[in-house]
């Protein structure tokens, strides 16, 4: 591996935390740290497509809550249906810090380079505004790394709900 090209992280974009109960987690972050308001989404077909788990097509859904803490997005993830790295993490560890999402510039080049380092795609999927890959970095780094390929006009749709409701 000496001499193998490196993947340059340009910016940390997100901290991802897997939770058992999204509502309870949002309340705790809001009541203890004042983190929020949270924008709530359900990621499921048809919004999320081309979902894979370790290279095999697998449907999965998850409920997300997103907020900004400075220039970092904080993401709470509650797995709902289907197998996923989030569901595995919850079963094995009971929840907690799952991944750091990073801007790596060229998404396809980053995946190819990481594969040369023995790091594959653990889970992936697409939405109308981006493609994401949870890289299988936990054994080598102790945490997951997520990377994106985003459209130039990347913007999430309006949230299903906002917590606390008074913040909407």
C-alpha atoms as a PDB file:
ATOM      1  CA  UNK A   1       0.000   0.000   0.000  1.00  0.00           C
ATOM      2  CA  UNK A   2       3.014   2.306   0.185  1.00  0.00           C
ATOM      3  CA  UNK A   3       2.676   4.721  -2.654  1.00  0.00           C
ATOM      4  CA  UNK A   4      -1.099   4.232  -2.944  1.00  0.00           C
ATOM      5  CA  UNK A   5      -2.812   7.513  -3.684  1.00  0.00           C
ATOM      6  CA  UNK A   6      -4.568   9.232  -0.785  1.00  0.00           C
ATOM      7  CA  UNK A   7      -8.140  10.473  -0.579  1.00  0.00           C
ATOM      8  CA  UNK A   8      -7.982  14.123   0.442  1.00  0.00           C
ATOM      9  CA  UNK A   9     -10.710  15.282   2.781  1.00  0.00           C
ATOM     10  CA  UNK A  10     -11.556  18.849   1.813  1.00  0.00           C
ATOM     11  CA  UNK A  11     -14.083  19.489   4.548  1.00  0.00           C
ATOM     12  CA  UNK A  12     -15.996  17.721   7.304  1.00  0.00           C
ATOM     13  CA  UNK A  13     -19.667  18.143   6.437  1.00  0.00           C
ATOM     14  CA  UNK A  14     -21.600  16.083   8.960  1.00  0.00           C
ATOM     15  CA  UNK A  15     -21.576  14.126  12.195  1.00  0.00           C
ATOM     16  CA  UNK A  16     -23.931  11.115  12.024  1.00  0.00           C
ATOM     17  CA  UNK A  17     -25.398   9.575  15.183  1.00  0.00           C
ATOM     18  CA  UNK A  18     -27.531   6.411  15.156  1.00  0.00           C
ATOM     19  CA  UNK A  19     -30.381   6.457  17.695  1.00  0.00           C
ATOM     20  CA  UNK A  20     -33.092   4.070  18.866  1.00  0.00           C
ATOM     21  CA  UNK A  21     -35.747   6.760  19.206  1.00  0.00           C
ATOM     22  CA  UNK A  22     -35.490   9.860  17.036  1.00  0.00           C
ATOM     23  CA  UNK A  23     -38.007  11.899  19.025  1.00  0.00           C
ATOM     24  CA  UNK A  24     -36.289  11.186  22.332  1.00  0.00           C
ATOM     25  CA  UNK A  25     -32.860  11.977  20.871  1.00  0.00           C
ATOM     26  CA  UNK A  26     -34.019  15.312  19.433  1.00  0.00           C
ATOM     27  CA  UNK A  27     -35.545  16.235  22.794  1.00  0.00           C
ATOM     28  CA  UNK A  28     -32.313  15.383  24.633  1.00  0.00           C
ATOM     29  CA  UNK A  29     -30.084  17.359  22.250  1.00  0.00           C
ATOM     30  CA  UNK A  30     -32.486  20.309  22.398  1.00  0.00           C
ATOM     31  CA  UNK A  31     -33.086  20.267  26.180  1.00  0.00           C
ATOM     32  CA  UNK A  32     -29.478  19.633  27.241  1.00  0.00           C
ATOM     33  CA  UNK A  33     -27.416  21.441  24.591  1.00  0.00           C
ATOM     34  CA  UNK A  34     -29.898  23.675  22.760  1.00  0.00           C
ATOM     35  CA  UNK A  35     -29.003  21.897  19.508  1.00  0.00           C
ATOM     36  CA  UNK A  36     -31.727  22.378  16.934  1.00  0.00           C
ATOM     37  CA  UNK A  37     -34.169  23.083  15.479  1.00  0.00           C
ATOM     38  CA  UNK A  38     -34.260  19.657  13.825  1.00  0.00           C
ATOM     39  CA  UNK A  39     -35.553  19.135  10.294  1.00  0.00           C
ATOM     40  CA  UNK A  40     -37.162  15.688  10.067  1.00  0.00           C
ATOM     41  CA  UNK A  41     -37.232  13.454   6.977  1.00  0.00           C
ATOM     42  CA  UNK A  42     -38.126   9.870   6.151  1.00  0.00           C
ATOM     43  CA  UNK A  43     -35.647   8.498   3.619  1.00  0.00           C
ATOM     44  CA  UNK A  44     -37.520   5.812   1.701  1.00  0.00           C
ATOM     45  CA  UNK A  45     -38.379   4.950  -1.898  1.00  0.00           C
ATOM     46  CA  UNK A  46     -38.975   6.649  -4.214  1.00  0.00           C
ATOM     47  CA  UNK A  47     -36.907   9.529  -2.721  1.00  0.00           C
ATOM     48  CA  UNK A  48     -34.075   7.113  -1.894  1.00  0.00           C
ATOM     49  CA  UNK A  49     -33.199   4.667  -4.658  1.00  0.00           C
ATOM     50  CA  UNK A  50     -30.389   2.359  -5.806  1.00  0.00           C
ATOM     51  CA  UNK A  51     -29.844   1.288  -2.192  1.00  0.00           C
ATOM     52  CA  UNK A  52     -27.149  -1.306  -1.545  1.00  0.00           C
ATOM     53  CA  UNK A  53     -25.662  -3.091   1.435  1.00  0.00           C
ATOM     54  CA  UNK A  54     -22.179  -4.551   0.864  1.00  0.00           C
ATOM     55  CA  UNK A  55     -22.642  -4.487  -2.910  1.00  0.00           C
ATOM     56  CA  UNK A  56     -26.060  -6.139  -3.046  1.00  0.00           C
ATOM     57  CA  UNK A  57     -29.293  -4.298  -3.854  1.00  0.00           C
ATOM     58  CA  UNK A  58     -31.236  -4.039  -0.590  1.00  0.00           C
ATOM     59  CA  UNK A  59     -34.159  -1.731   0.219  1.00  0.00           C
ATOM     60  CA  UNK A  60     -33.950   0.134   3.525  1.00  0.00           C
ATOM     61  CA  UNK A  61     -35.596   3.140   5.121  1.00  0.00           C
ATOM     62  CA  UNK A  62     -34.600   5.481   7.875  1.00  0.00           C
ATOM     63  CA  UNK A  63     -35.920   8.502   9.716  1.00  0.00           C
ATOM     64  CA  UNK A  64     -33.496  11.424   9.922  1.00  0.00           C
ATOM     65  CA  UNK A  65     -33.304  14.648  11.869  1.00  0.00           C
ATOM     66  CA  UNK A  66     -30.863  17.286  10.625  1.00  0.00           C
ATOM     67  CA  UNK A  67     -29.605  20.539  12.102  1.00  0.00           C
ATOM     68  CA  UNK A  68     -26.584  22.789  11.772  1.00  0.00           C
ATOM     69  CA  UNK A  69     -24.035  23.243  14.535  1.00  0.00           C
ATOM     70  CA  UNK A  70     -21.786  25.975  13.174  1.00  0.00           C
ATOM     71  CA  UNK A  71     -20.729  24.800   9.718  1.00  0.00           C
ATOM     72  CA  UNK A  72     -21.263  21.109  10.533  1.00  0.00           C
ATOM     73  CA  UNK A  73     -24.537  19.301   9.932  1.00  0.00           C
ATOM     74  CA  UNK A  74     -25.615  17.100  12.837  1.00  0.00           C
ATOM     75  CA  UNK A  75     -27.620  14.060  11.737  1.00  0.00           C
ATOM     76  CA  UNK A  76     -29.670  11.746  13.945  1.00  0.00           C
ATOM     77  CA  UNK A  77     -30.583   8.465  12.220  1.00  0.00           C
ATOM     78  CA  UNK A  78     -33.244   5.987  13.319  1.00  0.00           C
ATOM     79  CA  UNK A  79     -33.276   2.883  11.095  1.00  0.00           C
ATOM     80  CA  UNK A  80     -36.815   1.825  10.206  1.00  0.00           C
ATOM     81  CA  UNK A  81     -37.089  -1.064   7.736  1.00  0.00           C
ATOM     82  CA  UNK A  82     -34.697  -3.334   5.905  1.00  0.00           C
ATOM     83  CA  UNK A  83     -31.116  -4.239   6.698  1.00  0.00           C
ATOM     84  CA  UNK A  84     -28.644  -1.342   6.885  1.00  0.00           C
ATOM     85  CA  UNK A  85     -25.349  -0.403   8.492  1.00  0.00           C
ATOM     86  CA  UNK A  86     -27.418   1.755  10.831  1.00  0.00           C
ATOM     87  CA  UNK A  87     -29.532  -1.186  11.979  1.00  0.00           C
ATOM     88  CA  UNK A  88     -26.386  -3.311  12.471  1.00  0.00           C
ATOM     89  CA  UNK A  89     -24.741  -0.528  14.475  1.00  0.00           C
ATOM     90  CA  UNK A  90     -27.800  -0.115  16.674  1.00  0.00           C
ATOM     91  CA  UNK A  91     -27.967  -3.877  17.331  1.00  0.00           C
ATOM     92  CA  UNK A  92     -24.225  -4.175  18.051  1.00  0.00           C
ATOM     93  CA  UNK A  93     -23.587  -0.942  19.958  1.00  0.00           C
ATOM     94  CA  UNK A  94     -26.958   0.379  21.029  1.00  0.00           C
ATOM     95  CA  UNK A  95     -26.449   3.625  19.112  1.00  0.00           C
ATOM     96  CA  UNK A  96     -23.981   6.496  19.214  1.00  0.00           C
ATOM     97  CA  UNK A  97     -21.522   8.235  16.912  1.00  0.00           C
ATOM     98  CA  UNK A  98     -21.648   6.341  13.629  1.00  0.00           C
ATOM     99  CA  UNK A  99     -19.890   8.363  10.955  1.00  0.00           C
ATOM    100  CA  UNK A 100     -18.274  11.551   9.817  1.00  0.00           C
ATOM    101  CA  UNK A 101     -19.347  12.712   6.350  1.00  0.00           C
ATOM    102  CA  UNK A 102     -16.667  14.404   4.287  1.00  0.00           C
ATOM    103  CA  UNK A 103     -16.258  16.317   1.059  1.00  0.00           C
ATOM    104  CA  UNK A 104     -13.668  14.364  -0.938  1.00  0.00           C
ATOM    105  CA  UNK A 105     -14.094  16.193  -4.220  1.00  0.00           C
ATOM    106  CA  UNK A 106     -14.245  13.457  -6.849  1.00  0.00           C
ATOM    107  CA  UNK A 107     -16.629  10.826  -5.422  1.00  0.00           C
ATOM    108  CA  UNK A 108     -15.873   8.104  -7.986  1.00  0.00           C
ATOM    109  CA  UNK A 109     -12.113   8.609  -7.691  1.00  0.00           C
ATOM    110  CA  UNK A 110     -12.370   8.493  -3.883  1.00  0.00           C
ATOM    111  CA  UNK A 111     -14.210   5.153  -4.006  1.00  0.00           C
ATOM    112  CA  UNK A 112     -11.625   3.695  -6.400  1.00  0.00           C
ATOM    113  CA  UNK A 113      -8.744   4.927  -4.238  1.00  0.00           C
ATOM    114  CA  UNK A 114     -10.316   3.656  -1.014  1.00  0.00           C
ATOM    115  CA  UNK A 115     -10.782   0.234  -2.629  1.00  0.00           C
ATOM    116  CA  UNK A 116      -7.005   0.176  -3.274  1.00  0.00           C
ATOM    117  CA  UNK A 117      -6.607   0.710   0.476  1.00  0.00           C
ATOM    118  CA  UNK A 118      -8.878  -2.291   1.122  1.00  0.00           C
ATOM    119  CA  UNK A 119     -11.893  -0.148   2.044  1.00  0.00           C
ATOM    120  CA  UNK A 120     -15.122  -0.950   0.234  1.00  0.00           C
ATOM    121  CA  UNK A 121     -18.588   0.563   0.184  1.00  0.00           C
ATOM    122  CA  UNK A 122     -20.579  -0.766   3.133  1.00  0.00           C
ATOM    123  CA  UNK A 123     -23.860   0.890   2.121  1.00  0.00           C
ATOM    124  CA  UNK A 124     -24.955   3.297  -0.585  1.00  0.00           C
ATOM    125  CA  UNK A 125     -27.933   4.950  -2.188  1.00  0.00           C
ATOM    126  CA  UNK A 126     -29.127   7.871  -4.261  1.00  0.00           C
ATOM    127  CA  UNK A 127     -31.620  10.681  -3.917  1.00  0.00           C
ATOM    128  CA  UNK A 128     -32.620  13.216  -6.561  1.00  0.00           C
ATOM    129  CA  UNK A 129     -29.923  15.583  -5.233  1.00  0.00           C
ATOM    130  CA  UNK A 130     -27.039  13.314  -4.243  1.00  0.00           C
ATOM    131  CA  UNK A 131     -25.431   9.894  -4.100  1.00  0.00           C
ATOM    132  CA  UNK A 132     -23.999   8.705  -0.794  1.00  0.00           C
ATOM    133  CA  UNK A 133     -21.677   5.926   0.296  1.00  0.00           C
ATOM    134  CA  UNK A 134     -20.994   4.701   3.799  1.00  0.00           C
ATOM    135  CA  UNK A 135     -17.430   3.443   3.508  1.00  0.00           C
ATOM    136  CA  UNK A 136     -16.360   0.347   5.450  1.00  0.00           C
ATOM    137  CA  UNK A 137     -13.764   2.193   7.551  1.00  0.00           C
ATOM    138  CA  UNK A 138     -14.721   1.199  11.090  1.00  0.00           C
ATOM    139  CA  UNK A 139     -12.070  -1.547  11.478  1.00  0.00           C
ATOM    140  CA  UNK A 140      -9.281   0.684  10.162  1.00  0.00           C
ATOM    141  CA  UNK A 141     -10.360   4.007  11.658  1.00  0.00           C
ATOM    142  CA  UNK A 142     -12.728   3.197  14.522  1.00  0.00           C
ATOM    143  CA  UNK A 143     -15.616   5.044  12.878  1.00  0.00           C
ATOM    144  CA  UNK A 144     -17.454   5.238   9.596  1.00  0.00           C
ATOM    145  CA  UNK A 145     -16.711   7.719   6.837  1.00  0.00           C
ATOM    146  CA  UNK A 146     -19.496   8.808   4.505  1.00  0.00           C
ATOM    147  CA  UNK A 147     -18.876  10.491   1.166  1.00  0.00           C
ATOM    148  CA  UNK A 148     -21.220  12.205  -1.288  1.00  0.00           C
ATOM    149  CA  UNK A 149     -21.623  13.104  -4.917  1.00  0.00           C
ATOM    150  CA  UNK A 150     -23.970  16.081  -4.974  1.00  0.00           C
ATOM    151  CA  UNK A 151     -25.674  17.996  -7.732  1.00  0.00           C
ATOM    152  CA  UNK A 152     -24.478  21.572  -8.261  1.00  0.00           C
ATOM    153  CA  UNK A 153     -27.839  22.842  -6.991  1.00  0.00           C
ATOM    154  CA  UNK A 154     -27.961  20.471  -3.980  1.00  0.00           C
ATOM    155  CA  UNK A 155     -30.837  21.294  -1.681  1.00  0.00           C
ATOM    156  CA  UNK A 156     -32.967  19.013   0.440  1.00  0.00           C
ATOM    157  CA  UNK A 157     -36.741  19.230   0.023  1.00  0.00           C
ATOM    158  CA  UNK A 158     -38.765  20.887   2.782  1.00  0.00           C
ATOM    159  CA  UNK A 159     -38.824  18.737   5.946  1.00  0.00           C
ATOM    160  CA  UNK A 160     -41.819  16.653   6.997  1.00  0.00           C
ATOM    161  CA  UNK A 161     -41.702  18.313  10.402  1.00  0.00           C
ATOM    162  CA  UNK A 162     -39.520  20.494  12.612  1.00  0.00           C
ATOM    163  CA  UNK A 163     -38.655  19.942  16.285  1.00  0.00           C
ATOM    164  CA  UNK A 164     -39.366  21.749  18.436  1.00  0.00           C
ATOM    165  CA  UNK A 165     -42.592  22.714  16.662  1.00  0.00           C
ATOM    166  CA  UNK A 166     -42.280  26.272  17.993  1.00  0.00           C
ATOM    167  CA  UNK A 167     -39.139  26.704  15.834  1.00  0.00           C
ATOM    168  CA  UNK A 168     -41.058  26.383  12.527  1.00  0.00           C
END
